Amino acid sequence: MKNTWSAWRYLWKSEDIRRMLLVTLLLLVIYRLASNVPVPGINVEALEALRLRLNQTGGNFFNFLDLLSGGTVSRFSLLSMGVYPYITAQIILQLLIPIIPSLQKRMEENPTEGRKWMERWTYYLAVPMSALSAIGQINIFNSIGLQYGIGTILDFGFSGSQILPSVAALLTMMAGTMFAIWLGELISEYGIRGQGLSLIIFAGIVAQMPSNLLGILADEQYRWIMLGLMVVVIVLTIFAIVYVQQGRRNVPVMYPGRRIGNRMSMPVKASLPLMVNMAGMIPLIFASAILQFPSILASYFATDPTASYYNFAVSVQQTFGGNSPTYWILYFFMVVIFTFFYTDVLFTQQNYGENLKRVGAQIPGVSRGAPTQKYLTKVQRRITLPGALFLGVIAILPFLLSLVLQSFNIGSTTSNAGLFLVSSSGLLIVVGVVRETFATIDAELKLHGYQDSILVR
């Protein structure tokens, strides 16, 4: 404890680290201030009425959108899409690399130039992705507002007098997304290195905690029961997340001995750690994006109540809006499937078989090269199964807990929604970002000559 306290004190004494932390804090404050700036042309009264209605009925579809945007979706801020389009563009390019041979060859021949190419095209792809997300988000809000008899949130369209305000709203939302990405890049460059986008998402998630806590405290009948359950659920969930995220399978590897003068040293025995959850949070994001697509598509057809297809479009929105058991069942299976798929993509890109062969290392009893890669892929898939099931359970945990609470008639819709303070998926992000940030700060301390670790061992 004494060493940890001394390390925290050294953080403020070191000029470089103090500047890094202050710059990070300042940029996060700017992000949170900008998140309160509304999109021009919004019907504030209709938006507030829709927010109240969604809080009463539960809006799990919007909870995920709020997760990555920091609660700005419900306020229809210019940052309402957060950095989500950029993350989607990044995932798409990562999935295209093993499919397109020329891209894979580019990444293998020159990894440094390949990374620069990927970063550049991620920015390019984020622009149309942000435009599509903005149009879909506006249409979803308008269609749900019409369903509840509230009216349109934004008079959106590309004909007549609608053109100018629609283009202004669209460009504002796209600019907000690029502004959030830019702030993340500034944090990575001048603040806590490499943690920019993660901290932007982290700040948005943490910002939702006070309002969720107020939702629990507002339930006078079950207030203390819900607070007790909240503490137990959060502690157990964090423990499970850390335990699984730390999970490794150490594969023994023999490295060849080195010649020292006229003598040859003995071979070195080491291990190759394979992660139980290599994919991290990406499968949850990707599965949610896929499941949102039917609702976004249906929103284009749910604007005219007199149309013959209106009822079908509304039913699709209700099914994929996050409030039906069908949505959560599909969500679970898609998270599991995408975990295996994304892990395979990442593991193939790392190409352990060729890398170990290049340095002369070998797994005992396994031939070098392709057989080594095949063996490691088999091991990785086997240990990915518990990681995939864990992510699937984390994804649907709010739904499972709400079913349990409803069966015992405990809590209200608002207090149940705030049971985690943030969603279980949000906790996964928070825990991961906190661990990575502490590891980065710990590395900075050691670079500045401080030997004691800030991390709790």
Protein backbone atom coordinates (compact mmCIF):
# COMPACT_ATOMS: atom_id res chain seq x y z
CA MET A 1 0.00 0.00 0.00
CA LYS A 2 2.89 2.37 0.84
CA ASN A 3 4.53 1.77 -2.56
CA THR A 4 1.21 2.31 -4.36
CA TRP A 5 0.61 5.61 -2.53
CA SER A 6 4.17 6.71 -3.31
CA ALA A 7 3.59 5.90 -6.99
CA TRP A 8 0.40 8.00 -7.06
CA ARG A 9 2.29 10.92 -5.51
CA TYR A 10 5.04 10.57 -8.11
CA LEU A 11 2.43 10.85 -10.88
CA TRP A 12 1.84 14.48 -9.91
CA LYS A 13 5.50 15.28 -9.22
CA SER A 14 6.64 14.16 -12.67
CA GLU A 15 6.12 17.11 -15.04
CA ASP A 16 5.68 14.96 -18.16
CA ILE A 17 3.17 12.59 -16.58
CA ARG A 18 1.29 15.48 -14.93
CA ARG A 19 1.00 17.23 -18.29
CA MET A 20 -0.17 13.99 -19.92
CA LEU A 21 -2.92 13.50 -17.32
CA LEU A 22 -4.06 17.15 -17.42
CA VAL A 23 -4.23 17.17 -21.23
CA THR A 24 -6.30 13.97 -21.14
CA LEU A 25 -8.66 15.42 -18.54
CA LEU A 26 -9.04 18.70 -20.47
CA LEU A 27 -9.87 16.94 -23.75
CA LEU A 28 -12.42 14.69 -22.01
CA VAL A 29 -14.07 17.77 -20.48
CA ILE A 30 -14.26 19.36 -23.94
CA TYR A 31 -15.86 16.17 -25.27
CA ARG A 32 -18.47 16.12 -22.51
CA LEU A 33 -19.27 19.84 -23.03
CA ALA A 34 -19.67 19.32 -26.78
CA SER A 35 -21.96 16.35 -26.14
CA ASN A 36 -24.60 18.77 -24.81
CA VAL A 37 -24.79 20.79 -28.05
CA PRO A 38 -28.00 19.73 -29.88
CA VAL A 39 -28.37 19.07 -33.58
CA PRO A 40 -30.00 22.11 -35.30
CA GLY A 41 -33.70 21.82 -36.08
CA ILE A 42 -34.57 19.35 -33.30
CA ASN A 43 -38.07 19.47 -31.82
CA VAL A 44 -37.00 19.62 -28.15
CA GLU A 45 -40.51 19.03 -26.73
CA ALA A 46 -41.08 15.94 -28.87
CA LEU A 47 -37.61 14.61 -28.00
CA GLU A 48 -38.19 15.02 -24.27
CA ALA A 49 -41.58 13.31 -24.53
CA LEU A 50 -39.99 10.41 -26.43
CA ARG A 51 -37.23 10.08 -23.81
CA LEU A 52 -39.81 9.82 -21.03
CA ARG A 53 -41.82 7.25 -22.99
CA LEU A 54 -38.74 5.12 -23.67
CA ASN A 55 -37.73 5.26 -19.99
CA GLN A 56 -41.18 3.98 -19.04
CA THR A 57 -41.30 1.15 -21.58
CA GLY A 58 -37.59 0.26 -21.64
CA GLY A 59 -35.49 1.01 -24.67
CA ASN A 60 -32.66 -1.51 -24.92
CA PHE A 61 -32.04 -0.58 -28.55
CA PHE A 62 -31.20 2.97 -27.50
CA ASN A 63 -29.23 1.77 -24.46
CA PHE A 64 -26.56 0.33 -26.76
CA LEU A 65 -26.47 3.50 -28.87
CA ASP A 66 -26.10 5.51 -25.65
CA LEU A 67 -23.35 3.12 -24.54
CA LEU A 68 -20.89 4.26 -27.23
CA SER A 69 -22.10 7.87 -27.33
CA GLY A 70 -22.25 8.61 -23.62
CA GLY A 71 -25.97 9.23 -23.38
CA THR A 72 -25.92 11.75 -26.24
CA VAL A 73 -28.32 9.74 -28.42
CA SER A 74 -31.29 10.47 -26.15
CA ARG A 75 -30.35 14.18 -26.21
CA PHE A 76 -29.81 14.10 -30.00
CA SER A 77 -26.47 15.86 -29.58
CA LEU A 78 -24.08 16.57 -32.45
CA LEU A 79 -21.95 13.80 -30.86
CA SER A 80 -24.88 11.39 -30.71
CA MET A 81 -23.07 8.81 -32.87
CA GLY A 82 -19.89 9.06 -30.81
CA VAL A 83 -16.96 7.20 -32.40
CA TYR A 84 -19.16 4.27 -33.39
CA PRO A 85 -18.87 4.82 -37.21
CA TYR A 86 -15.07 4.82 -36.89
CA ILE A 87 -15.12 1.56 -34.92
CA THR A 88 -17.46 0.00 -37.49
CA ALA A 89 -15.14 1.09 -40.32
CA GLN A 90 -12.17 -0.38 -38.46
CA ILE A 91 -13.94 -3.71 -37.97
CA ILE A 92 -14.96 -3.86 -41.65
CA LEU A 93 -11.38 -3.32 -42.85
CA GLN A 94 -10.01 -5.88 -40.39
CA LEU A 95 -12.47 -8.44 -41.70
CA LEU A 96 -11.66 -7.60 -45.34
CA ILE A 97 -7.89 -8.11 -44.99
CA PRO A 98 -7.95 -11.94 -44.85
CA ILE A 99 -10.65 -12.09 -47.55
CA ILE A 100 -8.86 -9.93 -50.14
CA PRO A 101 -5.43 -11.42 -51.02
CA SER A 102 -3.89 -8.11 -52.15
CA LEU A 103 -4.69 -6.48 -48.80
CA GLN A 104 -3.30 -9.42 -46.88
CA LYS A 105 -0.12 -9.34 -48.99
CA ARG A 106 0.27 -5.59 -48.33
CA MET A 107 0.00 -6.11 -44.56
CA GLU A 108 2.47 -9.03 -44.54
CA GLU A 109 5.14 -7.47 -46.78
CA ASN A 110 5.36 -4.13 -44.97
CA PRO A 111 3.48 -4.09 -41.63
CA THR A 112 4.37 -0.44 -40.90
CA GLU A 113 3.07 0.86 -44.24
CA GLY A 114 0.14 -1.55 -43.95
CA ARG A 115 -0.88 -0.01 -40.61
CA LYS A 116 -0.66 3.50 -42.08
CA TRP A 117 -2.79 2.43 -45.04
CA MET A 118 -5.35 0.90 -42.69
CA GLU A 119 -5.52 4.02 -40.51
CA ARG A 120 -5.97 6.27 -43.55
CA TRP A 121 -8.74 4.18 -45.09
CA THR A 122 -10.47 3.79 -41.73
CA TYR A 123 -10.86 7.58 -41.68
CA TYR A 124 -12.12 7.59 -45.28
CA LEU A 125 -14.66 4.83 -44.59
CA ALA A 126 -15.80 6.46 -41.34
CA VAL A 127 -17.23 9.42 -43.29
CA PRO A 128 -19.88 7.48 -45.31
CA MET A 129 -20.51 5.24 -42.31
CA SER A 130 -21.29 8.31 -40.19
CA ALA A 131 -23.65 9.61 -42.91
CA LEU A 132 -25.55 6.30 -43.05
CA SER A 133 -25.69 6.11 -39.24
CA ALA A 134 -27.01 9.67 -39.00
CA ILE A 135 -29.78 9.05 -41.56
CA GLY A 136 -30.75 5.79 -39.87
CA GLN A 137 -30.77 7.36 -36.41
CA ILE A 138 -32.96 10.28 -37.51
CA ASN A 139 -35.43 7.96 -39.26
CA ILE A 140 -35.61 5.63 -36.24
CA PHE A 141 -36.39 8.50 -33.88
CA ASN A 142 -39.00 9.91 -36.24
CA SER A 143 -40.73 6.56 -36.80
CA ILE A 144 -40.85 5.73 -33.08
CA GLY A 145 -42.13 9.23 -32.35
CA LEU A 146 -44.96 8.66 -34.85
CA GLN A 147 -45.74 5.25 -33.30
CA TYR A 148 -46.18 6.82 -29.87
CA GLY A 149 -48.20 9.72 -31.30
CA ILE A 150 -45.50 12.23 -30.31
CA GLY A 151 -44.67 13.41 -33.82
CA THR A 152 -41.42 13.76 -35.71
CA ILE A 153 -38.26 14.70 -33.83
CA LEU A 154 -36.70 16.32 -36.89
CA ASP A 155 -38.40 17.34 -40.14
CA PHE A 156 -36.07 15.28 -42.32
CA GLY A 157 -36.19 14.77 -46.05
CA PHE A 158 -34.61 15.77 -49.34
CA SER A 159 -37.47 17.53 -51.09
CA GLY A 160 -38.81 21.08 -51.01
CA SER A 161 -38.21 23.09 -47.87
CA GLN A 162 -36.79 20.05 -46.02
CA ILE A 163 -33.53 19.98 -47.99
CA LEU A 164 -31.59 22.75 -46.25
CA PRO A 165 -32.39 21.81 -42.59
CA SER A 166 -31.88 18.11 -43.37
CA VAL A 167 -28.46 18.70 -44.94
CA ALA A 168 -27.50 20.96 -42.01
CA ALA A 169 -28.49 18.29 -39.46
CA LEU A 170 -26.72 15.55 -41.42
CA LEU A 171 -23.48 17.51 -41.82
CA THR A 172 -23.57 18.55 -38.17
CA MET A 173 -23.85 14.95 -36.96
CA MET A 174 -21.08 13.80 -39.32
CA ALA A 175 -18.85 16.67 -38.15
CA GLY A 176 -19.57 15.72 -34.53
CA THR A 177 -18.38 12.17 -35.14
CA MET A 178 -15.16 13.35 -36.80
CA PHE A 179 -14.66 15.84 -33.95
CA ALA A 180 -14.94 13.02 -31.39
CA ILE A 181 -12.45 10.92 -33.38
CA TRP A 182 -10.08 13.91 -33.55
CA LEU A 183 -10.27 14.40 -29.77
CA GLY A 184 -9.46 10.72 -29.33
CA GLU A 185 -6.41 11.07 -31.56
CA LEU A 186 -5.25 14.13 -29.58
CA ILE A 187 -5.52 12.13 -26.35
CA SER A 188 -3.47 9.30 -27.88
CA GLU A 189 -0.79 11.74 -29.06
CA TYR A 190 -0.55 14.28 -26.23
CA GLY A 191 -2.35 12.56 -23.35
CA ILE A 192 -2.41 8.92 -22.26
CA ARG A 193 -0.76 7.26 -25.22
CA GLY A 194 -2.81 4.86 -27.32
CA GLN A 195 -5.95 5.19 -25.17
CA GLY A 196 -7.73 8.06 -26.95
CA LEU A 197 -10.81 6.41 -28.43
CA SER A 198 -11.09 4.01 -25.49
CA LEU A 199 -11.15 6.92 -23.03
CA ILE A 200 -13.72 8.78 -25.15
CA ILE A 201 -16.03 5.76 -24.93
CA PHE A 202 -15.13 5.30 -21.25
CA ALA A 203 -16.05 8.91 -20.42
CA GLY A 204 -19.43 8.49 -22.11
CA ILE A 205 -20.22 5.31 -20.20
CA VAL A 206 -19.21 6.71 -16.81
CA ALA A 207 -21.25 9.86 -17.47
CA GLN A 208 -24.41 7.73 -17.47
CA MET A 209 -23.87 6.43 -13.92
CA PRO A 210 -25.45 9.34 -11.97
CA SER A 211 -28.71 9.26 -13.95
CA ASN A 212 -28.96 5.47 -13.59
CA LEU A 213 -28.32 5.75 -9.86
CA LEU A 214 -31.10 8.35 -9.61
CA GLY A 215 -33.38 5.88 -11.42
CA ILE A 216 -32.75 3.35 -8.65
CA LEU A 217 -33.20 5.89 -5.84
CA ALA A 218 -36.49 7.07 -7.39
CA ASP A 219 -38.04 3.64 -6.72
CA GLU A 220 -39.04 4.27 -3.09
CA GLN A 221 -40.51 0.82 -2.50
CA TYR A 222 -37.51 -1.27 -3.63
CA ARG A 223 -34.75 1.35 -3.31
CA TRP A 224 -32.54 -0.48 -0.78
CA ILE A 225 -33.12 -3.90 -2.29
CA MET A 226 -32.07 -2.59 -5.70
CA LEU A 227 -29.00 -0.84 -4.26
CA GLY A 228 -27.91 -4.07 -2.55
CA LEU A 229 -28.48 -6.07 -5.73
CA MET A 230 -26.61 -3.43 -7.72
CA VAL A 231 -23.49 -3.76 -5.54
CA VAL A 232 -23.56 -7.57 -5.64
CA VAL A 233 -24.17 -7.75 -9.40
CA ILE A 234 -21.47 -5.18 -10.24
CA VAL A 235 -18.84 -6.79 -7.97
CA LEU A 236 -19.52 -10.30 -9.30
CA THR A 237 -19.59 -9.10 -12.92
CA ILE A 238 -16.31 -7.19 -12.57
CA PHE A 239 -14.68 -10.20 -10.90
CA ALA A 240 -15.85 -12.48 -13.73
CA ILE A 241 -14.68 -10.01 -16.40
CA VAL A 242 -11.20 -9.67 -14.87
CA TYR A 243 -10.92 -13.43 -14.33
CA VAL A 244 -11.83 -14.28 -17.93
CA GLN A 245 -9.83 -11.40 -19.45
CA GLN A 246 -6.75 -12.60 -17.55
CA GLY A 247 -7.27 -16.19 -18.74
CA ARG A 248 -4.36 -17.62 -20.72
CA ARG A 249 -3.33 -20.97 -22.14
CA ASN A 250 0.47 -21.23 -22.07
CA VAL A 251 1.73 -23.37 -24.96
CA PRO A 252 5.34 -24.63 -24.39
CA VAL A 253 7.87 -23.41 -26.98
CA MET A 254 11.55 -24.35 -27.34
CA TYR A 255 13.88 -21.63 -28.62
CA PRO A 256 17.24 -22.72 -30.09
CA GLY A 257 20.45 -22.15 -28.13
CA ARG A 258 22.86 -19.39 -29.13
CA ARG A 259 26.52 -19.70 -30.00
CA ILE A 260 28.74 -17.88 -27.51
CA GLY A 261 32.32 -18.05 -28.76
CA ASN A 262 33.14 -21.72 -29.29
CA ARG A 263 30.35 -22.91 -27.05
CA MET A 264 26.66 -23.48 -27.77
CA SER A 265 24.13 -22.59 -25.08
CA MET A 266 21.32 -24.93 -24.16
CA PRO A 267 17.89 -24.49 -25.83
CA VAL A 268 15.61 -22.13 -23.94
CA LYS A 269 12.21 -23.35 -22.79
CA ALA A 270 9.49 -20.67 -22.85
CA SER A 271 5.74 -20.45 -23.37
CA LEU A 272 3.38 -18.77 -25.82
CA PRO A 273 0.33 -17.31 -23.99
CA LEU A 274 -2.96 -17.64 -25.88
CA MET A 275 -5.83 -15.49 -24.59
CA VAL A 276 -9.21 -16.94 -23.69
CA ASN A 277 -10.89 -13.77 -24.95
CA MET A 278 -8.74 -12.36 -27.74
CA ALA A 279 -11.65 -10.55 -29.42
CA GLY A 280 -12.44 -8.29 -26.45
CA MET A 281 -15.52 -6.11 -26.88
CA ILE A 282 -15.61 -6.22 -30.69
CA PRO A 283 -18.08 -9.17 -31.06
CA LEU A 284 -20.69 -7.34 -28.95
CA ILE A 285 -20.33 -4.20 -31.05
CA PHE A 286 -20.45 -6.09 -34.34
CA ALA A 287 -23.41 -8.28 -33.34
CA SER A 288 -25.35 -5.22 -32.17
CA ALA A 289 -24.59 -3.40 -35.41
CA ILE A 290 -25.93 -6.32 -37.45
CA LEU A 291 -29.05 -6.60 -35.31
CA GLN A 292 -29.68 -2.87 -35.60
CA PHE A 293 -29.74 -3.05 -39.39
CA PRO A 294 -33.29 -4.54 -39.71
CA SER A 295 -34.64 -1.85 -37.37
CA ILE A 296 -32.85 0.91 -39.30
CA LEU A 297 -34.16 -0.50 -42.59
CA ALA A 298 -37.70 -0.79 -41.22
CA SER A 299 -37.57 2.83 -40.05
CA TYR A 300 -37.66 3.96 -43.69
CA PHE A 301 -41.04 2.19 -44.14
CA ALA A 302 -42.59 3.03 -40.75
CA THR A 303 -43.25 6.69 -41.44
CA ASP A 304 -46.60 6.40 -43.25
CA PRO A 305 -49.37 4.78 -41.11
CA THR A 306 -51.66 4.51 -44.14
CA ALA A 307 -49.23 2.32 -46.13
CA SER A 308 -49.93 -1.42 -46.45
CA TYR A 309 -46.45 -2.34 -45.20
CA TYR A 310 -46.59 -0.04 -42.15
CA ASN A 311 -47.66 -2.74 -39.64
CA PHE A 312 -44.95 -5.13 -40.86
CA ALA A 313 -42.30 -2.42 -40.57
CA VAL A 314 -43.44 -1.59 -37.03
CA SER A 315 -43.34 -5.27 -36.02
CA VAL A 316 -39.77 -5.55 -37.35
CA GLN A 317 -38.80 -2.49 -35.33
CA GLN A 318 -40.37 -3.95 -32.19
CA THR A 319 -38.68 -7.32 -32.71
CA PHE A 320 -35.22 -5.86 -33.29
CA GLY A 321 -35.66 -2.89 -30.98
CA GLY A 322 -34.15 -4.73 -28.04
CA ASN A 323 -37.34 -5.36 -26.04
CA SER A 324 -38.27 -8.82 -27.33
CA PRO A 325 -36.89 -12.24 -26.31
CA THR A 326 -36.17 -12.94 -30.00
CA TYR A 327 -33.71 -10.05 -30.09
CA TRP A 328 -31.79 -11.29 -27.04
CA ILE A 329 -31.66 -14.91 -28.24
CA LEU A 330 -30.29 -13.77 -31.61
CA TYR A 331 -27.90 -11.41 -29.80
CA PHE A 332 -26.45 -14.26 -27.72
CA PHE A 333 -25.82 -16.57 -30.67
CA MET A 334 -24.43 -13.81 -32.87
CA VAL A 335 -21.99 -12.73 -30.14
CA VAL A 336 -20.75 -16.32 -29.81
CA ILE A 337 -20.42 -16.74 -33.59
CA PHE A 338 -18.66 -13.40 -34.08
CA THR A 339 -16.28 -14.15 -31.20
CA PHE A 340 -15.05 -17.27 -33.01
CA PHE A 341 -14.98 -15.50 -36.36
CA TYR A 342 -13.12 -12.39 -35.18
CA THR A 343 -10.65 -14.43 -33.10
CA ASP A 344 -9.87 -16.55 -36.18
CA VAL A 345 -9.26 -13.38 -38.22
CA LEU A 346 -6.91 -11.89 -35.62
CA PHE A 347 -5.10 -15.17 -35.01
CA THR A 348 -4.54 -15.73 -38.74
CA GLN A 349 -3.09 -12.23 -39.10
CA GLN A 350 -0.56 -12.86 -36.33
CA ASN A 351 0.75 -15.94 -38.19
CA TYR A 352 2.51 -17.57 -35.23
CA GLY A 353 3.59 -20.58 -37.31
CA GLU A 354 5.81 -18.58 -39.68
CA ASN A 355 7.03 -16.20 -36.98
CA LEU A 356 8.19 -19.05 -34.74
CA LYS A 357 9.80 -20.80 -37.72
CA ARG A 358 11.66 -17.60 -38.62
CA VAL A 359 13.41 -17.48 -35.21
CA GLY A 360 13.98 -21.24 -35.15
CA ALA A 361 11.51 -21.92 -32.32
CA GLN A 362 9.39 -25.06 -32.18
CA ILE A 363 6.52 -26.47 -30.16
CA PRO A 364 7.62 -29.90 -28.82
CA GLY A 365 6.16 -32.68 -30.96
CA VAL A 366 4.85 -30.30 -33.68
CA SER A 367 6.59 -29.58 -36.98
CA ARG A 368 7.53 -25.98 -37.80
CA GLY A 369 5.56 -23.71 -40.13
CA ALA A 370 2.05 -24.63 -41.28
CA PRO A 371 1.61 -27.59 -38.84
CA THR A 372 2.46 -25.25 -35.94
CA GLN A 373 -0.10 -22.70 -37.12
CA LYS A 374 -2.72 -25.43 -37.52
CA TYR A 375 -2.01 -26.80 -34.02
CA LEU A 376 -2.14 -23.34 -32.41
CA THR A 377 -5.37 -22.50 -34.26
CA LYS A 378 -6.93 -25.69 -32.88
CA VAL A 379 -5.85 -24.80 -29.34
CA GLN A 380 -7.06 -21.21 -29.73
CA ARG A 381 -10.50 -22.30 -30.95
CA ARG A 382 -10.82 -24.71 -28.03
CA ILE A 383 -10.08 -22.07 -25.39
CA THR A 384 -12.19 -19.47 -27.24
CA LEU A 385 -15.37 -21.47 -26.49
CA PRO A 386 -15.62 -20.45 -22.80
CA GLY A 387 -14.64 -16.89 -23.76
CA ALA A 388 -17.37 -16.75 -26.43
CA LEU A 389 -20.03 -18.15 -24.07
CA PHE A 390 -18.92 -15.65 -21.42
CA LEU A 391 -19.31 -12.72 -23.84
CA GLY A 392 -22.72 -14.06 -24.87
CA VAL A 393 -23.89 -14.19 -21.25
CA ILE A 394 -22.46 -10.71 -20.56
CA ALA A 395 -24.39 -9.40 -23.59
CA ILE A 396 -27.77 -10.71 -22.43
CA LEU A 397 -27.23 -10.36 -18.66
CA PRO A 398 -29.49 -7.27 -18.34
CA PHE A 399 -32.32 -9.19 -20.02
CA LEU A 400 -31.81 -12.25 -17.77
CA LEU A 401 -31.76 -10.14 -14.61
CA SER A 402 -34.85 -8.20 -15.67
CA LEU A 403 -36.69 -11.50 -16.16
CA VAL A 404 -35.68 -12.65 -12.66
CA LEU A 405 -36.71 -9.35 -11.08
CA GLN A 406 -40.02 -9.28 -12.97
CA SER A 407 -40.80 -12.84 -11.90
CA PHE A 408 -40.47 -11.75 -8.24
CA ASN A 409 -42.19 -8.38 -8.88
CA ILE A 410 -39.14 -6.48 -7.65
CA GLY A 411 -38.32 -2.97 -8.87
CA SER A 412 -39.69 -0.82 -11.66
CA THR A 413 -38.64 -0.52 -15.29
CA THR A 414 -36.48 2.51 -14.49
CA SER A 415 -34.74 1.00 -11.45
CA ASN A 416 -34.20 -2.33 -13.24
CA ALA A 417 -32.60 -0.52 -16.17
CA GLY A 418 -30.18 1.18 -13.78
CA LEU A 419 -29.24 -2.00 -11.94
CA PHE A 420 -25.74 -2.04 -13.44
CA LEU A 421 -25.34 1.78 -13.30
CA VAL A 422 -24.04 1.00 -16.79
CA SER A 423 -24.91 -2.03 -18.90
CA SER A 424 -22.92 -5.24 -18.50
CA SER A 425 -21.38 -4.56 -21.91
CA GLY A 426 -20.42 -1.12 -20.60
CA LEU A 427 -18.78 -2.73 -17.57
CA LEU A 428 -16.72 -4.88 -19.92
CA ILE A 429 -15.45 -1.73 -21.63
CA VAL A 430 -14.89 0.14 -18.36
CA VAL A 431 -12.88 -2.68 -16.78
CA GLY A 432 -10.81 -3.16 -19.94
CA VAL A 433 -10.06 0.57 -20.33
CA VAL A 434 -9.15 0.97 -16.65
CA ARG A 435 -6.73 -1.98 -16.79
CA GLU A 436 -5.12 -0.77 -20.02
CA THR A 437 -4.87 2.82 -18.75
CA PHE A 438 -3.23 1.72 -15.50
CA ALA A 439 -0.80 -0.44 -17.48
CA THR A 440 0.07 2.56 -19.70
CA ILE A 441 0.61 4.85 -16.70
CA ASP A 442 2.67 2.12 -15.01
CA ALA A 443 4.89 1.89 -18.11
CA GLU A 444 5.29 5.70 -18.12
CA LEU A 445 6.38 5.61 -14.47
CA LYS A 446 9.05 3.05 -15.23
CA LEU A 447 10.26 5.04 -18.24
CA HIS A 448 10.76 7.99 -15.89
CA GLY A 449 12.87 5.89 -13.54
CA TYR A 450 10.23 5.02 -10.94
CA GLN A 451 10.55 1.32 -10.12
CA ASP A 452 7.55 0.67 -7.85
CA SER A 453 4.38 -0.28 -9.70
CA ILE A 454 1.16 1.70 -9.49
CA LEU A 455 -0.77 -1.48 -10.21
CA VAL A 456 -2.17 -3.58 -7.36
CA ARG A 457 -0.51 -6.98 -7.58
